[in-house]
Amino acid sequence: MAEKLVIQAKNKTSNGLNPVFVSAETHGQIKALAAETGNSIKDLTEAFLQFALANNVVKSSPDGKTPN
């Protein structure tokens, strides 16, 4: 019987990171701020998004149908 190549599967891990897509202009602004402050793009983006999520107001659409 021929030898078999055994490949050990890895446990599923979650690094807790997901991509966020922004315009090239916004990315450039965050990149410039990262260079100016020494903070990573990731840390700045996380801070901006956390602030926005904690401090936003949802306004009804002009027709009043959204949000439900």
PDB file of N, CA and C in Angstrom:
ATOM      1  N   MET A   1       0.848  -1.179   0.000  1.00  0.00           N
ATOM      2  CA  MET A   1       0.000   0.000   0.000  1.00  0.00           C
ATOM      3  C   MET A   1       0.891   1.239   0.000  1.00  0.00           C
ATOM      4  N   ALA A   2       0.544   2.190  -0.833  1.00  0.00           N
ATOM      5  CA  ALA A   2       1.333   3.412  -0.944  1.00  0.00           C
ATOM      6  C   ALA A   2       1.080   4.300   0.269  1.00  0.00           C
ATOM      7  N   GLU A   3       2.133   5.045   0.630  1.00  0.00           N
ATOM      8  CA  GLU A   3       1.973   5.983   1.738  1.00  0.00           C
ATOM      9  C   GLU A   3       1.019   7.094   1.331  1.00  0.00           C
ATOM     10  N   LYS A   4       0.360   7.643   2.314  1.00  0.00           N
ATOM     11  CA  LYS A   4      -0.574   8.737   2.065  1.00  0.00           C
ATOM     12  C   LYS A   4      -0.012  10.016   2.670  1.00  0.00           C
ATOM     13  N   LEU A   5      -0.260  11.103   2.002  1.00  0.00           N
ATOM     14  CA  LEU A   5       0.087  12.411   2.539  1.00  0.00           C
ATOM     15  C   LEU A   5      -1.043  12.823   3.472  1.00  0.00           C
ATOM     16  N   VAL A   6      -0.712  13.055   4.733  1.00  0.00           N
ATOM     17  CA  VAL A   6      -1.715  13.442   5.717  1.00  0.00           C
ATOM     18  C   VAL A   6      -1.585  14.938   5.973  1.00  0.00           C
ATOM     19  N   ILE A   7      -2.664  15.646   5.783  1.00  0.00           N
ATOM     20  CA  ILE A   7      -2.697  17.082   6.017  1.00  0.00           C
ATOM     21  C   ILE A   7      -3.626  17.331   7.192  1.00  0.00           C
ATOM     22  N   GLN A   8      -3.071  17.924   8.245  1.00  0.00           N
ATOM     23  CA  GLN A   8      -3.862  18.218   9.435  1.00  0.00           C
ATOM     24  C   GLN A   8      -4.687  19.478   9.205  1.00  0.00           C
ATOM     25  N   ALA A   9      -5.989  19.367   9.361  1.00  0.00           N
ATOM     26  CA  ALA A   9      -6.861  20.533   9.242  1.00  0.00           C
ATOM     27  C   ALA A   9      -6.671  21.427  10.460  1.00  0.00           C
ATOM     28  N   LYS A  10      -6.820  22.712  10.250  1.00  0.00           N
ATOM     29  CA  LYS A  10      -6.707  23.665  11.347  1.00  0.00           C
ATOM     30  C   LYS A  10      -8.087  23.926  11.935  1.00  0.00           C
ATOM     31  N   ASN A  11      -8.105  24.264  13.211  1.00  0.00           N
ATOM     32  CA  ASN A  11      -9.350  24.692  13.834  1.00  0.00           C
ATOM     33  C   ASN A  11      -9.781  26.000  13.203  1.00  0.00           C
ATOM     34  N   LYS A  12     -11.068  26.176  13.101  1.00  0.00           N
ATOM     35  CA  LYS A  12     -11.560  27.452  12.592  1.00  0.00           C
ATOM     36  C   LYS A  12     -11.276  28.515  13.632  1.00  0.00           C
ATOM     37  N   THR A  13     -10.686  29.594  13.187  1.00  0.00           N
ATOM     38  CA  THR A  13     -10.409  30.697  14.096  1.00  0.00           C
ATOM     39  C   THR A  13     -11.017  31.963  13.523  1.00  0.00           C
ATOM     40  N   SER A  14     -11.380  32.832  14.394  1.00  0.00           N
ATOM     41  CA  SER A  14     -11.907  34.117  13.970  1.00  0.00           C
ATOM     42  C   SER A  14     -10.962  35.193  14.458  1.00  0.00           C
ATOM     43  N   ASN A  15     -10.392  35.926  13.524  1.00  0.00           N
ATOM     44  CA  ASN A  15      -9.516  37.012  13.940  1.00  0.00           C
ATOM     45  C   ASN A  15     -10.316  38.275  14.214  1.00  0.00           C
ATOM     46  N   GLY A  16     -11.620  38.201  13.988  1.00  0.00           N
ATOM     47  CA  GLY A  16     -12.476  39.332  14.291  1.00  0.00           C
ATOM     48  C   GLY A  16     -12.347  40.495  13.326  1.00  0.00           C
ATOM     49  N   LEU A  17     -11.695  40.297  12.207  1.00  0.00           N
ATOM     50  CA  LEU A  17     -11.510  41.382  11.248  1.00  0.00           C
ATOM     51  C   LEU A  17     -12.278  41.091   9.968  1.00  0.00           C
ATOM     52  N   ASN A  18     -12.881  42.114   9.428  1.00  0.00           N
ATOM     53  CA  ASN A  18     -13.568  42.028   8.146  1.00  0.00           C
ATOM     54  C   ASN A  18     -13.231  43.266   7.340  1.00  0.00           C
ATOM     55  N   PRO A  19     -13.219  43.132   6.014  1.00  0.00           N
ATOM     56  CA  PRO A  19     -12.873  44.294   5.194  1.00  0.00           C
ATOM     57  C   PRO A  19     -13.978  45.345   5.208  1.00  0.00           C
ATOM     58  N   VAL A  20     -13.569  46.575   5.063  1.00  0.00           N
ATOM     59  CA  VAL A  20     -14.488  47.700   4.898  1.00  0.00           C
ATOM     60  C   VAL A  20     -14.019  48.446   3.662  1.00  0.00           C
ATOM     61  N   PHE A  21     -14.924  48.733   2.754  1.00  0.00           N
ATOM     62  CA  PHE A  21     -14.560  49.386   1.511  1.00  0.00           C
ATOM     63  C   PHE A  21     -14.910  50.865   1.572  1.00  0.00           C
ATOM     64  N   VAL A  22     -13.937  51.695   1.254  1.00  0.00           N
ATOM     65  CA  VAL A  22     -14.128  53.144   1.236  1.00  0.00           C
ATOM     66  C   VAL A  22     -13.591  53.675  -0.085  1.00  0.00           C
ATOM     67  N   SER A  23     -13.970  54.896  -0.408  1.00  0.00           N
ATOM     68  CA  SER A  23     -13.479  55.504  -1.647  1.00  0.00           C
ATOM     69  C   SER A  23     -11.976  55.730  -1.555  1.00  0.00           C
ATOM     70  N   ALA A  24     -11.355  55.884  -2.697  1.00  0.00           N
ATOM     71  CA  ALA A  24      -9.913  56.153  -2.736  1.00  0.00           C
ATOM     72  C   ALA A  24      -9.596  57.457  -2.018  1.00  0.00           C
ATOM     73  N   GLU A  25     -10.471  58.439  -2.146  1.00  0.00           N
ATOM     74  CA  GLU A  25     -10.254  59.729  -1.482  1.00  0.00           C
ATOM     75  C   GLU A  25     -10.263  59.574   0.042  1.00  0.00           C
ATOM     76  N   THR A  26     -11.253  58.839   0.556  1.00  0.00           N
ATOM     77  CA  THR A  26     -11.332  58.620   2.002  1.00  0.00           C
ATOM     78  C   THR A  26     -10.131  57.826   2.488  1.00  0.00           C
ATOM     79  N   HIS A  27      -9.749  56.811   1.745  1.00  0.00           N
ATOM     80  CA  HIS A  27      -8.580  56.009   2.116  1.00  0.00           C
ATOM     81  C   HIS A  27      -7.336  56.886   2.178  1.00  0.00           C
ATOM     82  N   GLY A  28      -7.190  57.761   1.209  1.00  0.00           N
ATOM     83  CA  GLY A  28      -6.040  58.662   1.196  1.00  0.00           C
ATOM     84  C   GLY A  28      -6.011  59.579   2.410  1.00  0.00           C
ATOM     85  N   GLN A  29      -7.183  60.063   2.811  1.00  0.00           N
ATOM     86  CA  GLN A  29      -7.258  60.929   3.990  1.00  0.00           C
ATOM     87  C   GLN A  29      -6.885  60.167   5.258  1.00  0.00           C
ATOM     88  N   ILE A  30      -7.384  58.945   5.383  1.00  0.00           N
ATOM     89  CA  ILE A  30      -7.051  58.137   6.557  1.00  0.00           C
ATOM     90  C   ILE A  30      -5.570  57.772   6.543  1.00  0.00           C
ATOM     91  N   LYS A  31      -5.043  57.447   5.370  1.00  0.00           N
ATOM     92  CA  LYS A  31      -3.623  57.106   5.245  1.00  0.00           C
ATOM     93  C   LYS A  31      -2.745  58.289   5.642  1.00  0.00           C
ATOM     94  N   ALA A  32      -3.125  59.487   5.213  1.00  0.00           N
ATOM     95  CA  ALA A  32      -2.361  60.687   5.569  1.00  0.00           C
ATOM     96  C   ALA A  32      -2.408  60.932   7.073  1.00  0.00           C
ATOM     97  N   LEU A  33      -3.580  60.748   7.673  1.00  0.00           N
ATOM     98  CA  LEU A  33      -3.709  60.927   9.115  1.00  0.00           C
ATOM     99  C   LEU A  33      -2.896  59.873   9.869  1.00  0.00           C
ATOM    100  N   ALA A  34      -2.861  58.658   9.336  1.00  0.00           N
ATOM    101  CA  ALA A  34      -2.053  57.606   9.957  1.00  0.00           C
ATOM    102  C   ALA A  34      -0.580  57.989   9.945  1.00  0.00           C
ATOM    103  N   ALA A  35      -0.115  58.519   8.831  1.00  0.00           N
ATOM    104  CA  ALA A  35       1.287  58.938   8.731  1.00  0.00           C
ATOM    105  C   ALA A  35       1.578  60.096   9.682  1.00  0.00           C
ATOM    106  N   GLU A  36       0.634  61.010   9.804  1.00  0.00           N
ATOM    107  CA  GLU A  36       0.814  62.187  10.661  1.00  0.00           C
ATOM    108  C   GLU A  36       0.826  61.825  12.144  1.00  0.00           C
ATOM    109  N   THR A  37      -0.015  60.863  12.528  1.00  0.00           N
ATOM    110  CA  THR A  37      -0.191  60.556  13.948  1.00  0.00           C
ATOM    111  C   THR A  37       0.580  59.338  14.436  1.00  0.00           C
ATOM    112  N   GLY A  38       1.026  58.494  13.500  1.00  0.00           N
ATOM    113  CA  GLY A  38       1.693  57.261  13.903  1.00  0.00           C
ATOM    114  C   GLY A  38       0.727  56.148  14.268  1.00  0.00           C
ATOM    115  N   ASN A  39      -0.569  56.390  14.096  1.00  0.00           N
ATOM    116  CA  ASN A  39      -1.574  55.351  14.331  1.00  0.00           C
ATOM    117  C   ASN A  39      -1.762  54.554  13.051  1.00  0.00           C
ATOM    118  N   SER A  40      -2.186  53.301  13.189  1.00  0.00           N
ATOM    119  CA  SER A  40      -2.414  52.481  12.004  1.00  0.00           C
ATOM    120  C   SER A  40      -3.728  52.874  11.337  1.00  0.00           C
ATOM    121  N   ILE A  41      -3.819  52.585  10.049  1.00  0.00           N
ATOM    122  CA  ILE A  41      -5.066  52.815   9.317  1.00  0.00           C
ATOM    123  C   ILE A  41      -6.190  52.028   9.983  1.00  0.00           C
ATOM    124  N   LYS A  42      -5.904  50.807  10.391  1.00  0.00           N
ATOM    125  CA  LYS A  42      -6.898  49.968  11.059  1.00  0.00           C
ATOM    126  C   LYS A  42      -7.416  50.631  12.325  1.00  0.00           C
ATOM    127  N   ASP A  43      -6.505  51.104  13.179  1.00  0.00           N
ATOM    128  CA  ASP A  43      -6.926  51.709  14.442  1.00  0.00           C
ATOM    129  C   ASP A  43      -7.730  52.985  14.220  1.00  0.00           C
ATOM    130  N   LEU A  44      -7.310  53.801  13.271  1.00  0.00           N
ATOM    131  CA  LEU A  44      -8.053  55.027  12.983  1.00  0.00           C
ATOM    132  C   LEU A  44      -9.442  54.717  12.432  1.00  0.00           C
ATOM    133  N   THR A  45      -9.516  53.782  11.491  1.00  0.00           N
ATOM    134  CA  THR A  45     -10.802  53.419  10.901  1.00  0.00           C
ATOM    135  C   THR A  45     -11.731  52.861  11.967  1.00  0.00           C
ATOM    136  N   GLU A  46     -11.202  52.006  12.831  1.00  0.00           N
ATOM    137  CA  GLU A  46     -11.998  51.444  13.928  1.00  0.00           C
ATOM    138  C   GLU A  46     -12.532  52.556  14.832  1.00  0.00           C
ATOM    139  N   ALA A  47     -11.679  53.512  15.186  1.00  0.00           N
ATOM    140  CA  ALA A  47     -12.099  54.617  16.053  1.00  0.00           C
ATOM    141  C   ALA A  47     -13.185  55.460  15.381  1.00  0.00           C
ATOM    142  N   PHE A  48     -12.986  55.775  14.102  1.00  0.00           N
ATOM    143  CA  PHE A  48     -13.983  56.566  13.377  1.00  0.00           C
ATOM    144  C   PHE A  48     -15.327  55.838  13.313  1.00  0.00           C
ATOM    145  N   LEU A  49     -15.295  54.555  12.990  1.00  0.00           N
ATOM    146  CA  LEU A  49     -16.540  53.802  12.862  1.00  0.00           C
ATOM    147  C   LEU A  49     -17.229  53.626  14.207  1.00  0.00           C
ATOM    148  N   GLN A  50     -16.471  53.345  15.260  1.00  0.00           N
ATOM    149  CA  GLN A  50     -17.074  53.206  16.586  1.00  0.00           C
ATOM    150  C   GLN A  50     -17.740  54.511  17.016  1.00  0.00           C
ATOM    151  N   PHE A  51     -17.075  55.633  16.769  1.00  0.00           N
ATOM    152  CA  PHE A  51     -17.659  56.934  17.102  1.00  0.00           C
ATOM    153  C   PHE A  51     -18.941  57.166  16.305  1.00  0.00           C
ATOM    154  N   ALA A  52     -18.887  56.899  15.011  1.00  0.00           N
ATOM    155  CA  ALA A  52     -20.056  57.114  14.151  1.00  0.00           C
ATOM    156  C   ALA A  52     -21.225  56.227  14.570  1.00  0.00           C
ATOM    157  N   LEU A  53     -20.951  54.975  14.911  1.00  0.00           N
ATOM    158  CA  LEU A  53     -22.019  54.071  15.322  1.00  0.00           C
ATOM    159  C   LEU A  53     -22.650  54.501  16.646  1.00  0.00           C
ATOM    160  N   ALA A  54     -21.847  55.046  17.539  1.00  0.00           N
ATOM    161  CA  ALA A  54     -22.358  55.474  18.842  1.00  0.00           C
ATOM    162  C   ALA A  54     -23.057  56.830  18.780  1.00  0.00           C
ATOM    163  N   ASN A  55     -22.830  57.586  17.721  1.00  0.00           N
ATOM    164  CA  ASN A  55     -23.320  58.966  17.677  1.00  0.00           C
ATOM    165  C   ASN A  55     -24.121  59.293  16.425  1.00  0.00           C
ATOM    166  N   ASN A  56     -24.797  58.313  15.852  1.00  0.00           N
ATOM    167  CA  ASN A  56     -25.556  58.596  14.634  1.00  0.00           C
ATOM    168  C   ASN A  56     -27.039  58.736  14.933  1.00  0.00           C
ATOM    169  N   VAL A  57     -27.744  59.384  14.037  1.00  0.00           N
ATOM    170  CA  VAL A  57     -29.194  59.528  14.097  1.00  0.00           C
ATOM    171  C   VAL A  57     -29.733  59.084  12.746  1.00  0.00           C
ATOM    172  N   VAL A  58     -30.727  58.210  12.772  1.00  0.00           N
ATOM    173  CA  VAL A  58     -31.343  57.752  11.530  1.00  0.00           C
ATOM    174  C   VAL A  58     -32.537  58.651  11.242  1.00  0.00           C
ATOM    175  N   LYS A  59     -32.530  59.250  10.074  1.00  0.00           N
ATOM    176  CA  LYS A  59     -33.581  60.172   9.655  1.00  0.00           C
ATOM    177  C   LYS A  59     -34.466  59.463   8.630  1.00  0.00           C
ATOM    178  N   SER A  60     -35.752  59.668   8.723  1.00  0.00           N
ATOM    179  CA  SER A  60     -36.683  59.037   7.789  1.00  0.00           C
ATOM    180  C   SER A  60     -36.407  59.473   6.362  1.00  0.00           C
ATOM    181  N   SER A  61     -36.716  58.587   5.434  1.00  0.00           N
ATOM    182  CA  SER A  61     -36.583  58.919   4.019  1.00  0.00           C
ATOM    183  C   SER A  61     -37.611  59.986   3.663  1.00  0.00           C
ATOM    184  N   PRO A  62     -37.407  60.687   2.543  1.00  0.00           N
ATOM    185  CA  PRO A  62     -38.355  61.742   2.152  1.00  0.00           C
ATOM    186  C   PRO A  62     -39.805  61.256   2.051  1.00  0.00           C
ATOM    187  N   ASP A  63     -40.005  59.998   1.642  1.00  0.00           N
ATOM    188  CA  ASP A  63     -41.382  59.498   1.534  1.00  0.00           C
ATOM    189  C   ASP A  63     -41.911  58.953   2.863  1.00  0.00           C
ATOM    190  N   GLY A  64     -41.059  58.934   3.891  1.00  0.00           N
ATOM    191  CA  GLY A  64     -41.479  58.489   5.217  1.00  0.00           C
ATOM    192  C   GLY A  64     -41.602  56.995   5.384  1.00  0.00           C
ATOM    193  N   LYS A  65     -41.219  56.218   4.378  1.00  0.00           N
ATOM    194  CA  LYS A  65     -41.380  54.765   4.437  1.00  0.00           C
ATOM    195  C   LYS A  65     -40.184  54.047   5.054  1.00  0.00           C
ATOM    196  N   THR A  66     -39.046  54.699   5.108  1.00  0.00           N
ATOM    197  CA  THR A  66     -37.853  54.062   5.649  1.00  0.00           C
ATOM    198  C   THR A  66     -37.273  54.950   6.731  1.00  0.00           C
ATOM    199  N   PRO A  67     -36.898  54.474   7.880  1.00  0.00           N
ATOM    200  CA  PRO A  67     -37.020  53.071   8.304  1.00  0.00           C
ATOM    201  C   PRO A  67     -38.470  52.726   8.640  1.00  0.00           C
ATOM    202  N   ASN A  68     -38.740  51.440   8.664  1.00  0.00           N
ATOM    203  CA  ASN A  68     -40.114  50.953   8.908  1.00  0.00           C
ATOM    204  C   ASN A  68     -40.580  51.342  10.280  1.00  0.00           C
TER     205      ASN A  68
END
